[in-house]
């Protein structure tokens, strides 16, 4: 196959994977309150979200390290296998403990796959093709904001949340195989590095904030977890991000707090609508579509305006 055709396959697969990633995000939001009620785990929202977030955050530095040590295609296929395994484990879970184990596998493998997608774009595309692929991948979130909640709501309503977790997997596997077959990569250089200190602090910090305890112990663990995560932020962001007085550092600090606040509040939308206002799968689909579509469209508009300014 010619390099041009290979590039087209890689570009199409990366855009498709970004679309599927968006669908997964909305799927997780919609089914969480429904599965928690079925499994009797509504008091464990923090633990479910915390384990998933910890695994996903942990996977990012691990994925970056493995990119420098393994052939990209092998890493991609291996992480895909564990993502599918995690999805099947959660979908078949008889209790919340097994579901959390599946969530951890999905979070870890998913963030590693995110790094491989970046590597696929870097190695498989160049110039204008790379720019267009990244642009279309970002714009695919507009489609995902409609397709994701719709898919999750209707499959959950007509079948169950368990089926919603697995019906899309064949499309994900095909797209990953398309990237793996068409990408041209060399063996890893073995130069990948990882901040083990930051990694350990992330795990300890998030774990402390989500442990299902009550009373003063909860307050102490919460404060300790926040302090540990604050230390991670200082370690990972550029030096003096929160202290140096410069427009660029101020913008970076502002984006950190704005993004963190948005995603923290976003996690509560589905839970609040379901547990407090009694929204079912269909209503949750509409609610998540409204917010997600507005977020995605505004992101595209802001990106276009930024390009004009530059």
Foldseek 3Di string as FASTA:
>chain_A
DDLVVLLVLLLVLLLLLLLVVLLVVLLCLLCVLVVCVVQVNPLQPLVLVLLLVLLLVLLQLVLQQVPQAFWLLVLLVVLLVQLLVLLLQLLPPPHVVSNSVSSSSNNNSVNSNVSSSVVLLVQSDDDPSSVVSVLSSLLSLLVSLQCNLVLSLVCCVVPRSSCSSNPCSVVNNVSSVSSSVSGDTDGRPNPRDGDVLLSVLSSQLSCLQRPSDDDPSNVVSPVVSVVSVVVSVCVPDDHCLPNDDDPVSPVVVVCVVVVVVVVVVVSCPSVCCCPPVNDGSVRSSVVSSVVSNVVSVVVSVVVVVVVVVD
